[in-house]
Protein backbone atom coordinates (compact mmCIF):
# COMPACT_ATOMS: atom_id res chain seq x y z
CA MET A 1 0.00 0.00 0.00
CA LYS A 2 2.87 2.31 0.89
CA LYS A 3 4.40 1.57 -2.54
CA ILE A 4 1.16 2.60 -4.34
CA PHE A 5 1.01 5.77 -2.23
CA ASN A 6 4.61 6.69 -3.14
CA ILE A 7 4.00 6.08 -6.86
CA THR A 8 0.84 8.19 -6.71
CA LEU A 9 2.72 10.95 -4.89
CA VAL A 10 5.52 10.96 -7.49
CA LEU A 11 3.02 11.06 -10.38
CA PHE A 12 1.10 13.89 -8.71
CA ALA A 13 4.33 15.87 -8.16
CA ALA A 14 5.39 15.35 -11.79
CA LEU A 15 1.97 16.44 -13.01
CA PHE A 16 2.14 19.52 -10.79
CA ILE A 17 5.63 20.49 -11.99
CA PHE A 18 4.77 20.12 -15.69
CA SER A 19 1.45 21.96 -15.36
CA CYS A 20 3.25 24.92 -13.78
CA ARG A 21 5.81 25.07 -16.56
CA ASN A 22 6.70 28.56 -17.76
CA ASP A 23 5.50 29.35 -21.29
CA ASP A 24 8.53 31.57 -21.92
CA ASP A 25 10.10 28.67 -23.79
CA ALA A 26 7.17 28.46 -26.18
CA VAL A 27 7.59 29.70 -29.76
CA PRO A 28 6.56 33.38 -29.86
CA GLU A 29 3.58 34.28 -32.00
CA ASP A 30 4.36 36.30 -35.13
CA VAL A 31 2.89 39.73 -34.48
CA HIS A 32 4.26 41.34 -37.65
CA GLU A 33 1.44 42.83 -39.73
CA HIS A 34 2.29 41.44 -43.14
CA ASP A 35 -0.49 43.30 -44.90
CA GLU A 36 -0.08 46.76 -43.38
CA ILE A 37 0.67 49.25 -46.13
CA GLY A 38 3.60 51.47 -45.14
CA ARG A 39 4.37 53.34 -48.35
CA ILE A 40 2.36 54.36 -51.41
CA VAL A 41 4.24 55.22 -54.58
CA LEU A 42 2.37 57.36 -57.12
CA LYS A 43 4.14 57.53 -60.48
CA LEU A 44 2.94 59.77 -63.31
CA THR A 45 4.37 59.68 -66.85
CA ASN A 46 3.45 62.36 -69.36
CA LYS A 47 1.69 60.70 -72.31
CA THR A 48 3.41 62.92 -74.91
CA ASP A 49 6.79 63.35 -73.15
CA ALA A 50 8.10 60.05 -71.73
CA ALA A 51 10.99 61.97 -70.12
CA ASP A 52 8.47 63.78 -67.89
CA VAL A 53 8.17 61.18 -65.11
CA GLN A 54 7.16 62.26 -61.61
CA THR A 55 7.13 60.05 -58.54
CA VAL A 56 5.77 60.79 -55.10
CA ASN A 57 6.34 58.51 -52.10
CA VAL A 58 3.82 58.78 -49.29
CA ILE A 59 4.94 57.33 -45.96
CA SER A 60 2.71 57.62 -42.89
CA GLY A 61 0.50 60.06 -44.78
CA VAL A 62 3.36 62.44 -45.66
CA ALA A 63 4.32 62.97 -49.31
CA ASP A 64 7.99 63.52 -50.12
CA ALA A 65 7.23 65.76 -53.12
CA HIS A 66 4.39 67.34 -55.06
CA LEU A 67 3.35 66.90 -58.67
CA HIS A 68 4.01 69.56 -61.33
CA LEU A 69 1.16 68.92 -63.75
CA HIS A 70 0.77 70.91 -66.96
CA ALA A 71 -2.64 72.06 -68.18
CA GLY A 72 -3.57 70.32 -71.42
CA ASP A 73 -1.36 67.27 -70.75
CA THR A 74 -2.42 63.71 -69.96
CA TYR A 75 -0.43 61.50 -67.60
CA PHE A 76 -0.38 57.74 -67.07
CA ALA A 77 -0.74 57.21 -63.32
CA GLU A 78 0.32 54.07 -61.48
CA LEU A 79 -0.20 53.30 -57.80
CA ASP A 80 2.06 50.91 -55.92
CA PHE A 81 1.08 49.94 -52.39
CA GLN A 82 4.06 48.67 -50.40
CA ILE A 83 4.49 46.83 -47.11
CA LYS A 84 7.30 47.61 -44.67
CA HIS A 85 9.54 44.72 -43.67
CA ASP A 86 12.22 45.69 -41.15
CA ASP A 87 14.26 48.38 -42.97
CA HIS A 88 12.81 48.15 -46.49
CA TYR A 89 9.54 48.21 -48.44
CA ASP A 90 8.23 45.57 -50.84
CA SER A 91 5.45 45.93 -53.36
CA THR A 92 2.37 43.94 -52.48
CA ASP A 93 0.29 41.82 -54.82
CA GLU A 94 -2.41 41.44 -52.18
CA ILE A 95 -4.59 44.18 -53.68
CA MET A 96 -4.48 42.56 -57.13
CA GLU A 97 -5.00 39.08 -55.67
CA GLU A 98 -7.96 40.32 -53.61
CA LYS A 99 -9.25 42.67 -56.30
CA ASP A 100 -12.90 42.08 -55.42
CA GLN A 101 -12.24 43.25 -51.87
CA HIS A 102 -10.64 46.58 -52.89
CA PHE A 103 -11.47 49.72 -54.86
CA ILE A 104 -9.65 53.02 -55.38
CA THR A 105 -11.31 56.44 -55.50
CA PHE A 106 -9.86 59.77 -56.61
CA ALA A 107 -10.92 63.25 -55.50
CA PRO A 108 -9.22 66.35 -56.93
CA ALA A 109 -9.57 69.66 -55.05
CA ASN A 110 -8.72 73.08 -56.49
CA ALA A 111 -7.76 71.26 -59.68
CA ASP A 112 -9.75 70.27 -62.76
CA ILE A 113 -8.40 66.76 -63.36
CA VAL A 114 -10.31 64.15 -65.36
CA VAL A 115 -9.49 60.56 -64.40
CA LEU A 116 -10.05 57.56 -66.66
CA ARG A 117 -9.21 54.06 -65.46
CA ALA A 118 -6.66 52.63 -67.89
CA ALA A 119 -7.42 49.84 -70.36
CA ASN A 120 -4.68 47.73 -68.71
CA ASP A 121 -6.00 48.29 -65.17
CA ILE A 122 -7.02 45.28 -63.03
CA VAL A 123 -10.68 44.41 -63.60
CA ARG A 124 -12.79 43.09 -60.72
CA THR A 125 -15.18 40.19 -61.34
CA ASP A 126 -18.08 42.70 -61.30
CA GLY A 127 -16.52 44.40 -64.37
CA GLN A 128 -15.36 47.49 -62.47
CA LYS A 129 -11.73 48.60 -62.87
CA LEU A 130 -9.78 48.72 -59.61
CA GLY A 131 -7.90 52.02 -60.19
CA LEU A 132 -4.25 50.95 -59.86
CA LYS A 133 -3.61 52.31 -63.37
CA SER A 134 -5.32 55.39 -64.73
CA GLU A 135 -4.92 58.40 -67.02
CA TRP A 136 -5.18 61.92 -65.65
CA THR A 137 -6.02 64.74 -68.07
CA ILE A 138 -5.13 68.11 -66.57
CA ASN A 139 -7.54 70.90 -67.49
CA SER A 140 -6.25 73.30 -64.83
CA THR A 141 -4.65 73.41 -61.39
CA GLN A 142 -4.17 76.06 -58.76
CA THR A 143 -1.28 76.54 -56.36
CA THR A 144 -3.48 74.91 -53.74
CA GLY A 145 -4.41 71.95 -55.97
CA LYS A 146 -4.61 68.50 -54.40
CA MET A 147 -5.48 64.93 -55.35
CA ASN A 148 -6.90 62.62 -52.72
CA VAL A 149 -6.58 58.87 -53.26
CA LYS A 150 -8.36 56.28 -51.12
CA LEU A 151 -8.08 52.52 -51.08
CA ILE A 152 -11.34 51.08 -49.80
CA HIS A 153 -11.44 47.55 -48.36
CA THR A 154 -14.59 45.39 -48.71
CA PRO A 155 -16.98 48.01 -50.09
CA THR A 156 -20.56 46.76 -50.43
CA SER A 157 -20.85 48.43 -53.84
CA VAL A 158 -18.56 50.31 -56.23
CA ASN A 159 -19.08 52.60 -59.21
CA GLN A 160 -16.08 53.30 -61.43
CA ASN A 161 -18.19 55.67 -63.57
CA TYR A 162 -18.81 58.24 -60.85
CA PRO A 163 -19.41 61.07 -61.65
CA SER A 164 -19.50 59.88 -65.29
CA ALA A 165 -18.07 57.35 -67.74
CA THR A 166 -15.74 60.10 -69.01
CA ASN A 167 -14.49 61.08 -65.53
CA GLN A 168 -14.04 57.92 -63.44
CA LEU A 169 -13.18 59.26 -60.00
CA GLY A 170 -15.07 56.33 -58.50
CA GLN A 171 -17.50 55.95 -55.63
CA THR A 172 -18.10 53.29 -52.98
CA GLN A 173 -20.75 52.38 -50.45
CA GLY A 174 -19.65 50.77 -47.18
CA GLY A 175 -16.26 49.24 -46.52
CA GLU A 176 -13.26 50.51 -44.60
CA THR A 177 -10.58 52.95 -45.70
CA ASP A 178 -7.22 51.15 -45.84
CA VAL A 179 -5.34 54.11 -47.34
CA ASP A 180 -6.23 57.81 -47.46
CA ILE A 181 -3.53 60.05 -48.97
CA THR A 182 -3.49 63.56 -50.39
CA VAL A 183 -0.81 64.81 -52.79
CA ASP A 184 -0.23 68.43 -53.82
CA VAL A 185 -0.73 68.99 -57.56
CA HIS A 186 0.10 72.32 -59.24
């Protein structure tokens, strides 16, 4: 009987010791946000002067430059959403891969800019163009001109032809704003 008691006591002590084990030795959970956009690169190339290329990097909502847009010119615009990894940024394909969960809107202020979504833009399964590639025709700008760009995640509805099929600034209903940047354009 004493032998059974001792075995039971040893088993109980072992169970107690292992149940109180410190979890510090466990593998830490990866808390890195792999899909958090850290930099947006907006690149514009003049349609009639390929040497006129302008690039603006927006990090944490702050643009490193402004765009010098000429009235009467049309520019090819490309957006590149990038994720920060340690000390560098990498372009993300997530927006293209999840095209039906994203939509980009444009909103010029103090500038008459007509936006058309490019023929080679990514097309969602609902037939709406995403907005990663577009053409901007500059009718006029002021010294206080701005262009606001938003990336909307999981909108309930989208309309690329807002306000019209010839000016596709885009409009959404519902969803969350993943990116909201404003760039000076004069």
